[in-house]
C-alpha atoms as a PDB file:
ATOM      1  CA  MET A   1     115.303  92.673 106.289  1.00  0.00           C
ATOM      2  CA  ILE A   2     118.250  94.577 104.908  1.00  0.00           C
ATOM      3  CA  THR A   3     119.075  97.889 106.511  1.00  0.00           C
ATOM      4  CA  PHE A   4     120.736 100.840 104.880  1.00  0.00           C
ATOM      5  CA  LYS A   5     122.263 103.691 106.821  1.00  0.00           C
ATOM      6  CA  LYS A   6     123.974 106.926 105.843  1.00  0.00           C
ATOM      7  CA  VAL A   7     125.820 109.248 108.199  1.00  0.00           C
ATOM      8  CA  LYS A   8     124.045 112.418 107.029  1.00  0.00           C
ATOM      9  CA  VAL A   9     120.547 112.097 105.618  1.00  0.00           C
ATOM     10  CA  CYS A  10     117.437 114.163 105.097  1.00  0.00           C
ATOM     11  CA  PHE A  11     115.535 113.481 108.318  1.00  0.00           C
ATOM     12  CA  SER A  12     112.176 113.422 106.607  1.00  0.00           C
ATOM     13  CA  LEU A  13     113.421 110.331 104.803  1.00  0.00           C
ATOM     14  CA  ILE A  14     115.046 108.722 107.795  1.00  0.00           C
ATOM     15  CA  PHE A  15     112.947 105.598 107.608  1.00  0.00           C
ATOM     16  CA  VAL A  16     113.356 105.237 103.924  1.00  0.00           C
ATOM     17  CA  LEU A  17     117.050 105.061 104.686  1.00  0.00           C
ATOM     18  CA  VAL A  18     116.692 102.778 107.670  1.00  0.00           C
ATOM     19  CA  ASN A  19     114.156 100.364 106.173  1.00  0.00           C
ATOM     20  CA  ILE A  20     114.706 101.035 102.525  1.00  0.00           C
ATOM     21  CA  PHE A  21     115.067  97.553 101.082  1.00  0.00           C
ATOM     22  CA  TYR A  22     113.784  94.090 101.783  1.00  0.00           C
ATOM     23  CA  ILE A  23     114.728  90.799 100.204  1.00  0.00           C
ATOM     24  CA  ALA A  24     112.394  88.989  97.869  1.00  0.00           C
ATOM     25  CA  PRO A  25     111.857  85.255  98.284  1.00  0.00           C
ATOM     26  CA  CYS A  26     114.553  83.040  96.801  1.00  0.00           C
ATOM     27  CA  TYR A  27     114.126  82.128  93.154  1.00  0.00           C
ATOM     28  CA  SER A  28     115.199  79.027  91.278  1.00  0.00           C
ATOM     29  CA  LEU A  29     116.904  80.964  88.490  1.00  0.00           C
ATOM     30  CA  SER A  30     120.262  82.417  89.458  1.00  0.00           C
ATOM     31  CA  THR A  31     119.881  85.149  86.838  1.00  0.00           C
ATOM     32  CA  ARG A  32     116.844  86.491  88.687  1.00  0.00           C
ATOM     33  CA  GLU A  33     118.651  86.365  92.006  1.00  0.00           C
ATOM     34  CA  ASP A  34     121.730  88.000  90.521  1.00  0.00           C
ATOM     35  CA  LEU A  35     119.766  90.844  88.954  1.00  0.00           C
ATOM     36  CA  PHE A  36     117.862  91.497  92.184  1.00  0.00           C
ATOM     37  CA  LYS A  37     121.100  91.469  94.185  1.00  0.00           C
ATOM     38  CA  SER A  38     122.775  93.819  91.730  1.00  0.00           C
ATOM     39  CA  ALA A  39     119.961  96.355  92.063  1.00  0.00           C
ATOM     40  CA  LEU A  40     119.927  95.947  95.837  1.00  0.00           C
ATOM     41  CA  ASP A  41     123.683  96.451  96.122  1.00  0.00           C
ATOM     42  CA  LEU A  42     123.555  99.630  94.028  1.00  0.00           C
ATOM     43  CA  SER A  43     120.714 100.929  96.189  1.00  0.00           C
ATOM     44  CA  SER A  44     122.484 100.084  99.438  1.00  0.00           C
ATOM     45  CA  GLY A  45     125.644 101.725  98.129  1.00  0.00           C
ATOM     46  CA  GLY A  46     123.848 104.989  97.400  1.00  0.00           C
ATOM     47  CA  ASN A  47     124.222 104.711  93.621  1.00  0.00           C
ATOM     48  CA  PHE A  48     120.592 105.651  93.135  1.00  0.00           C
ATOM     49  CA  ASN A  49     120.539 106.550  89.441  1.00  0.00           C
ATOM     50  CA  LEU A  50     122.246 103.309  88.496  1.00  0.00           C
ATOM     51  CA  ALA A  51     120.056 101.450  90.976  1.00  0.00           C
ATOM     52  CA  LEU A  52     116.942 102.837  89.306  1.00  0.00           C
ATOM     53  CA  GLN A  53     118.130 101.575  85.934  1.00  0.00           C
ATOM     54  CA  GLU A  54     118.802  98.152  87.428  1.00  0.00           C
ATOM     55  CA  TRP A  55     115.401  97.984  89.142  1.00  0.00           C
ATOM     56  CA  ASN A  56     113.797  98.961  85.827  1.00  0.00           C
ATOM     57  CA  ARG A  57     115.577  96.058  84.135  1.00  0.00           C
ATOM     58  CA  TYR A  58     114.556  93.695  86.900  1.00  0.00           C
ATOM     59  CA  LEU A  59     110.885  94.690  86.866  1.00  0.00           C
ATOM     60  CA  ASP A  60     110.714  94.583  83.089  1.00  0.00           C
ATOM     61  CA  ALA A  61     111.743  90.949  83.343  1.00  0.00           C
ATOM     62  CA  TYR A  62     109.844  90.103  86.550  1.00  0.00           C
ATOM     63  CA  PRO A  63     106.787  92.354  86.889  1.00  0.00           C
ATOM     64  CA  ASP A  64     105.241  90.064  89.517  1.00  0.00           C
ATOM     65  CA  ASP A  65     107.762  90.932  92.239  1.00  0.00           C
ATOM     66  CA  ALA A  66     106.352  93.004  95.116  1.00  0.00           C
ATOM     67  CA  ALA A  67     109.745  93.522  96.745  1.00  0.00           C
ATOM     68  CA  GLY A  68     111.162  94.843  93.489  1.00  0.00           C
ATOM     69  CA  PHE A  69     108.429  97.475  93.211  1.00  0.00           C
ATOM     70  CA  SER A  70     108.824  98.579  96.819  1.00  0.00           C
ATOM     71  CA  ASN A  71     112.598  98.842  96.524  1.00  0.00           C
ATOM     72  CA  ARG A  72     112.360 100.794  93.276  1.00  0.00           C
ATOM     73  CA  GLY A  73     109.787 103.068  94.898  1.00  0.00           C
ATOM     74  CA  ASN A  74     112.209 103.902  97.682  1.00  0.00           C
ATOM     75  CA  VAL A  75     114.919 104.753  95.172  1.00  0.00           C
ATOM     76  CA  LYS A  76     112.471 106.988  93.295  1.00  0.00           C
ATOM     77  CA  LEU A  77     111.638 108.805  96.511  1.00  0.00           C
ATOM     78  CA  VAL A  78     115.294 109.468  97.277  1.00  0.00           C
ATOM     79  CA  ILE A  79     115.877 110.985  93.828  1.00  0.00           C
ATOM     80  CA  GLY A  80     112.723 113.115  94.052  1.00  0.00           C
ATOM     81  CA  ASP A  81     110.101 111.212  92.039  1.00  0.00           C
ATOM     82  CA  VAL A  82     107.514 111.153  94.821  1.00  0.00           C
ATOM     83  CA  GLU A  83     104.485 110.307  92.677  1.00  0.00           C
ATOM     84  CA  GLY A  84     106.429 107.489  91.032  1.00  0.00           C
ATOM     85  CA  ALA A  85     107.418 106.234  94.473  1.00  0.00           C
ATOM     86  CA  ILE A  86     103.786 106.096  95.586  1.00  0.00           C
ATOM     87  CA  ASP A  87     102.792 104.283  92.393  1.00  0.00           C
ATOM     88  CA  ASP A  88     105.454 101.638  92.991  1.00  0.00           C
ATOM     89  CA  GLN A  89     104.401 101.134  96.609  1.00  0.00           C
ATOM     90  CA  ASN A  90     100.793 100.775  95.417  1.00  0.00           C
ATOM     91  CA  ASN A  91     101.884  98.060  92.974  1.00  0.00           C
ATOM     92  CA  SER A  92     103.838  96.304  95.711  1.00  0.00           C
ATOM     93  CA  ILE A  93     100.806  96.311  98.007  1.00  0.00           C
ATOM     94  CA  ILE A  94      98.575  94.938  95.249  1.00  0.00           C
ATOM     95  CA  LEU A  95     101.021  92.089  94.628  1.00  0.00           C
ATOM     96  CA  ASN A  96     101.607  91.325  98.324  1.00  0.00           C
ATOM     97  CA  PRO A  97      99.001  92.918 100.613  1.00  0.00           C
ATOM     98  CA  SER A  98     100.388  91.176 103.704  1.00  0.00           C
ATOM     99  CA  ALA A  99     103.814  92.878 103.577  1.00  0.00           C
ATOM    100  CA  ILE A 100     103.929  95.915 105.863  1.00  0.00           C
ATOM    101  CA  ASP A 101     107.074  97.685 104.618  1.00  0.00           C
ATOM    102  CA  PRO A 102     105.375  99.061 101.484  1.00  0.00           C
ATOM    103  CA  TYR A 103     102.748 100.743 103.678  1.00  0.00           C
ATOM    104  CA  ILE A 104     105.481 102.434 105.715  1.00  0.00           C
ATOM    105  CA  ASN A 105     107.335 103.454 102.577  1.00  0.00           C
ATOM    106  CA  ARG A 106     104.171 104.804 100.962  1.00  0.00           C
ATOM    107  CA  GLY A 107     103.427 106.763 104.124  1.00  0.00           C
ATOM    108  CA  ILE A 108     106.854 108.401 103.977  1.00  0.00           C
ATOM    109  CA  ALA A 109     106.265 109.431 100.369  1.00  0.00           C
ATOM    110  CA  GLU A 110     102.849 110.803 101.292  1.00  0.00           C
ATOM    111  CA  GLU A 111     104.392 112.779 104.145  1.00  0.00           C
ATOM    112  CA  SER A 112     106.810 114.439 101.735  1.00  0.00           C
ATOM    113  CA  LEU A 113     103.755 115.797  99.885  1.00  0.00           C
ATOM    114  CA  GLY A 114     102.056 116.913 103.104  1.00  0.00           C
ATOM    115  CA  LEU A 115      99.372 114.241 102.730  1.00  0.00           C
ATOM    116  CA  TRP A 116      99.085 113.784 106.476  1.00  0.00           C
ATOM    117  CA  LEU A 117      95.789 111.881 106.561  1.00  0.00           C
ATOM    118  CA  GLN A 118      96.923 109.366 103.953  1.00  0.00           C
ATOM    119  CA  ALA A 119     100.263 108.845 105.686  1.00  0.00           C
ATOM    120  CA  LYS A 120      98.558 108.470 109.059  1.00  0.00           C
ATOM    121  CA  LYS A 121      96.236 105.831 107.631  1.00  0.00           C
ATOM    122  CA  ASP A 122      99.172 103.803 106.316  1.00  0.00           C
ATOM    123  CA  TYR A 123     101.092 103.972 109.597  1.00  0.00           C
ATOM    124  CA  MET A 124      98.035 103.072 111.645  1.00  0.00           C
ATOM    125  CA  PHE A 125      97.429 100.072 109.402  1.00  0.00           C
ATOM    126  CA  VAL A 126     100.958  98.852 110.105  1.00  0.00           C
ATOM    127  CA  ILE A 127     100.530  99.405 113.851  1.00  0.00           C
ATOM    128  CA  SER A 128      97.251  97.466 113.743  1.00  0.00           C
ATOM    129  CA  LYS A 129      99.246  94.499 112.410  1.00  0.00           C
ATOM    130  CA  ASP A 130     102.337  95.053 114.550  1.00  0.00           C
ATOM    131  CA  SER A 131     101.804  97.246 117.600  1.00  0.00           C
ATOM    132  CA  LYS A 132     105.554  97.345 118.329  1.00  0.00           C
ATOM    133  CA  ASN A 133     106.658  98.465 114.883  1.00  0.00           C
ATOM    134  CA  PHE A 134     108.906 101.345 115.917  1.00  0.00           C
ATOM    135  CA  SER A 135     109.256 102.656 112.350  1.00  0.00           C
ATOM    136  CA  ALA A 136     105.520 103.176 111.992  1.00  0.00           C
ATOM    137  CA  LEU A 137     105.242 104.578 115.522  1.00  0.00           C
ATOM    138  CA  TYR A 138     108.018 107.098 114.911  1.00  0.00           C
ATOM    139  CA  ASN A 139     106.663 108.217 111.553  1.00  0.00           C
ATOM    140  CA  LEU A 140     103.138 108.506 112.920  1.00  0.00           C
ATOM    141  CA  ALA A 141     104.563 110.664 115.714  1.00  0.00           C
ATOM    142  CA  ASN A 142     106.082 112.958 113.092  1.00  0.00           C
ATOM    143  CA  VAL A 143     102.705 113.253 111.396  1.00  0.00           C
ATOM    144  CA  GLU A 144     101.031 114.156 114.705  1.00  0.00           C
ATOM    145  CA  GLY A 145     103.707 116.757 115.352  1.00  0.00           C
ATOM    146  CA  SER A 146     103.306 118.186 111.875  1.00  0.00           C
ATOM    147  CA  THR A 147      99.632 118.759 112.670  1.00  0.00           C
ATOM    148  CA  SER A 148     100.513 120.296 116.079  1.00  0.00           C
ATOM    149  CA  GLU A 149      99.285 117.313 118.112  1.00  0.00           C
ATOM    150  CA  TRP A 150     102.345 117.284 120.367  1.00  0.00           C
ATOM    151  CA  ASP A 151     100.755 115.292 123.206  1.00  0.00           C
ATOM    152  CA  LYS A 152     100.005 112.463 120.783  1.00  0.00           C
ATOM    153  CA  ALA A 153     103.409 112.818 119.159  1.00  0.00           C
ATOM    154  CA  ARG A 154     105.139 112.555 122.529  1.00  0.00           C
ATOM    155  CA  ASP A 155     103.362 109.301 123.404  1.00  0.00           C
ATOM    156  CA  LEU A 156     104.246 107.784 120.035  1.00  0.00           C
ATOM    157  CA  PHE A 157     107.896 108.847 120.224  1.00  0.00           C
ATOM    158  CA  SER A 158     107.994 107.273 123.677  1.00  0.00           C
ATOM    159  CA  LYS A 159     106.664 103.969 122.335  1.00  0.00           C
ATOM    160  CA  ALA A 160     109.101 103.999 119.408  1.00  0.00           C
ATOM    161  CA  ALA A 161     111.991 104.510 121.831  1.00  0.00           C
ATOM    162  CA  LEU A 162     110.647 101.817 124.172  1.00  0.00           C
ATOM    163  CA  TYR A 163     110.468  99.199 121.438  1.00  0.00           C
ATOM    164  CA  ASN A 164     113.876 100.167 120.045  1.00  0.00           C
ATOM    165  CA  PRO A 165     115.988 101.543 122.912  1.00  0.00           C
ATOM    166  CA  GLY A 166     118.918 102.219 120.589  1.00  0.00           C
ATOM    167  CA  PHE A 167     116.834 104.486 118.355  1.00  0.00           C
ATOM    168  CA  ALA A 168     118.506 107.777 119.287  1.00  0.00           C
ATOM    169  CA  MET A 169     116.401 109.951 116.998  1.00  0.00           C
ATOM    170  CA  ALA A 170     113.183 108.735 118.629  1.00  0.00           C
ATOM    171  CA  ARG A 171     114.588 109.590 122.064  1.00  0.00           C
ATOM    172  CA  SER A 172     115.722 113.009 120.880  1.00  0.00           C
ATOM    173  CA  SER A 173     112.311 113.641 119.346  1.00  0.00           C
ATOM    174  CA  LEU A 174     110.693 112.585 122.626  1.00  0.00           C
ATOM    175  CA  ALA A 175     112.846 115.134 124.467  1.00  0.00           C
ATOM    176  CA  LEU A 176     111.904 117.821 121.942  1.00  0.00           C
ATOM    177  CA  ALA A 177     108.200 117.029 122.361  1.00  0.00           C
ATOM    178  CA  ASP A 178     108.619 117.330 126.138  1.00  0.00           C
ATOM    179  CA  TYR A 179     110.380 120.659 125.566  1.00  0.00           C
ATOM    180  CA  GLN A 180     107.432 121.856 123.479  1.00  0.00           C
ATOM    181  CA  LEU A 181     104.946 120.716 126.133  1.00  0.00           C
ATOM    182  CA  GLY A 182     106.798 122.450 128.968  1.00  0.00           C
ATOM    183  CA  ASN A 183     108.257 119.299 130.525  1.00  0.00           C
ATOM    184  CA  ILE A 184     111.670 120.934 130.726  1.00  0.00           C
ATOM    185  CA  ASP A 185     113.236 118.752 133.422  1.00  0.00           C
ATOM    186  CA  GLU A 186     112.307 115.542 131.591  1.00  0.00           C
ATOM    187  CA  SER A 187     113.563 116.957 128.320  1.00  0.00           C
ATOM    188  CA  GLU A 188     116.899 118.053 129.755  1.00  0.00           C
ATOM    189  CA  LYS A 189     117.434 114.729 131.516  1.00  0.00           C
ATOM    190  CA  GLU A 190     116.866 112.754 128.301  1.00  0.00           C
ATOM    191  CA  LEU A 191     119.060 115.035 126.179  1.00  0.00           C
ATOM    192  CA  LYS A 192     121.951 114.742 128.639  1.00  0.00           C
ATOM    193  CA  LYS A 193     121.622 110.951 128.642  1.00  0.00           C
ATOM    194  CA  LEU A 194     121.742 110.922 124.856  1.00  0.00           C
ATOM    195  CA  ILE A 195     124.820 113.135 124.719  1.00  0.00           C
ATOM    196  CA  ARG A 196     126.649 110.993 127.261  1.00  0.00           C
ATOM    197  CA  ARG A 197     125.981 107.932 125.163  1.00  0.00           C
ATOM    198  CA  TYR A 198     126.336 109.582 121.743  1.00  0.00           C
ATOM    199  CA  PRO A 199     128.718 112.563 122.145  1.00  0.00           C
ATOM    200  CA  THR A 200     128.595 113.388 118.415  1.00  0.00           C
ATOM    201  CA  PHE A 201     124.791 113.308 118.125  1.00  0.00           C
ATOM    202  CA  ALA A 202     124.106 116.790 116.738  1.00  0.00           C
ATOM    203  CA  ASP A 203     120.321 116.703 117.197  1.00  0.00           C
ATOM    204  CA  ALA A 204     120.505 116.263 120.964  1.00  0.00           C
ATOM    205  CA  ARG A 205     123.272 118.853 121.312  1.00  0.00           C
ATOM    206  CA  ALA A 206     121.308 121.399 119.272  1.00  0.00           C
ATOM    207  CA  ALA A 207     118.207 120.779 121.377  1.00  0.00           C
ATOM    208  CA  LEU A 208     120.205 121.157 124.586  1.00  0.00           C
ATOM    209  CA  THR A 209     121.699 124.387 123.214  1.00  0.00           C
ATOM    210  CA  ALA A 210     118.202 125.829 122.870  1.00  0.00           C
ATOM    211  CA  LEU A 211     117.138 124.535 126.268  1.00  0.00           C
ATOM    212  CA  ASN A 212     120.271 125.899 127.971  1.00  0.00           C
ATOM    213  CA  TRP A 213     119.734 129.301 126.374  1.00  0.00           C
ATOM    214  CA  SER A 214     116.064 129.365 127.437  1.00  0.00           C
ATOM    215  CA  LYS A 215     117.185 128.787 131.050  1.00  0.00           C
ATOM    216  CA  GLY A 216     119.816 131.523 130.900  1.00  0.00           C
ATOM    217  CA  GLU A 217     122.695 129.027 130.903  1.00  0.00           C
ATOM    218  CA  PHE A 218     124.621 130.866 128.209  1.00  0.00           C
ATOM    219  CA  GLY A 219     127.992 129.212 128.729  1.00  0.00           C
ATOM    220  CA  LYS A 220     126.539 125.724 128.435  1.00  0.00           C
ATOM    221  CA  ALA A 221     124.585 126.791 125.351  1.00  0.00           C
ATOM    222  CA  GLU A 222     127.753 128.114 123.706  1.00  0.00           C
ATOM    223  CA  SER A 223     129.654 124.926 124.492  1.00  0.00           C
ATOM    224  CA  ASN A 224     127.019 122.659 122.960  1.00  0.00           C
ATOM    225  CA  TRP A 225     126.570 124.907 119.943  1.00  0.00           C
ATOM    226  CA  ILE A 226     130.280 124.820 119.086  1.00  0.00           C
ATOM    227  CA  ALA A 227     129.973 121.038 118.838  1.00  0.00           C
ATOM    228  CA  VAL A 228     126.824 121.301 116.704  1.00  0.00           C
ATOM    229  CA  THR A 229     128.405 123.641 114.153  1.00  0.00           C
ATOM    230  CA  GLU A 230     131.262 121.177 113.688  1.00  0.00           C
ATOM    231  CA  LEU A 231     128.952 118.165 113.432  1.00  0.00           C
ATOM    232  CA  ASP A 232     126.052 119.430 111.290  1.00  0.00           C
ATOM    233  CA  PRO A 233     125.627 123.071 110.177  1.00  0.00           C
ATOM    234  CA  ARG A 234     122.039 122.489 109.044  1.00  0.00           C
ATOM    235  CA  TYR A 235     120.803 123.193 112.565  1.00  0.00           C
ATOM    236  CA  SER A 236     121.279 126.917 111.980  1.00  0.00           C
ATOM    237  CA  ASP A 237     118.658 126.780 109.190  1.00  0.00           C
ATOM    238  CA  ASN A 238     115.183 127.579 110.546  1.00  0.00           C
ATOM    239  CA  GLU A 239     113.376 126.232 107.476  1.00  0.00           C
ATOM    240  CA  TRP A 240     115.293 122.957 107.555  1.00  0.00           C
ATOM    241  CA  LEU A 241     114.548 122.481 111.244  1.00  0.00           C
ATOM    242  CA  ILE A 242     110.804 122.927 110.761  1.00  0.00           C
ATOM    243  CA  LYS A 243     110.155 121.404 107.341  1.00  0.00           C
ATOM    244  CA  VAL A 244     112.761 118.650 107.135  1.00  0.00           C
ATOM    245  CA  ARG A 245     113.831 117.667 110.641  1.00  0.00           C
ATOM    246  CA  ARG A 246     110.429 118.807 111.923  1.00  0.00           C
ATOM    247  CA  TRP A 247     111.346 120.180 115.299  1.00  0.00           C
ATOM    248  CA  PRO A 248     108.529 121.624 117.434  1.00  0.00           C
ATOM    249  CA  PRO A 249     108.117 125.421 117.283  1.00  0.00           C
ATOM    250  CA  LYS A 250     109.276 126.294 120.837  1.00  0.00           C
ATOM    251  CA  PRO A 251     112.755 124.708 120.718  1.00  0.00           C
ATOM    252  CA  THR A 252     113.141 125.931 117.133  1.00  0.00           C
ATOM    253  CA  ASN A 253     112.335 129.508 118.134  1.00  0.00           C
ATOM    254  CA  ASP A 254     114.642 129.342 121.147  1.00  0.00           C
ATOM    255  CA  LEU A 255     117.516 128.046 119.035  1.00  0.00           C
ATOM    256  CA  MET A 256     116.996 130.750 116.427  1.00  0.00           C
ATOM    257  CA  LYS A 257     116.976 133.448 119.135  1.00  0.00           C
ATOM    258  CA  PHE A 258     120.242 132.071 120.482  1.00  0.00           C
ATOM    259  CA  ILE A 259     121.793 132.111 117.010  1.00  0.00           C
ATOM    260  CA  ASP A 260     120.536 135.637 116.281  1.00  0.00           C
ATOM    261  CA  LEU A 261     122.206 136.919 119.447  1.00  0.00           C
ATOM    262  CA  LYS A 262     125.480 135.492 118.219  1.00  0.00           C
END
């Protein structure tokens, strides 16, 4: 598995960017290997338009490659061709039904269209094959949250964090779900732990800003918010918080009230 990370990403695509590419089996012809590697390197480097051209070349020559279709589908999703991304993941699944990454990647594309039931089905299929797959658990949690099932979302975020303890976004999302459900002490405890370990993690600081403000701790809220504005200004955007990052409504509303008072 090859991983690809960017410092600032659209959170709705976080698992495209974490699990975006996987390596096809080795081939006897070096030209095939070289072309695959070239497309993979361009994708991993964020050169998505050039990567798309290279994946097109590769799949024109080798239309039997499931990994190639899945990787091209992820590139298409990043550049906004969601329907094309789903088509490529479908082709990948047809060619290699046992691979689970294309199901996750298709689910992410379906989420971007608000196709919650379809995305949920794909994630649950992956979990049925691998109950500890933290990518599927996290994305399924986002689907449950998007349909206001915050109890279910909380349990899934908790599992994702359990199976990948270093997955800070899952832990922050767990704290936000607790915030939404009224488990304020648990939420605050987790957010403080995250900030101690990751001082520049804007999501946790923004969440703690809202929580501090809701408790009347205005000085602490101001202190955390100053850090957030320097780290990631998107947290002042209500629409981004709800539609892209997909925060729960209560912490979102509290943060917006804090900002409005400023």
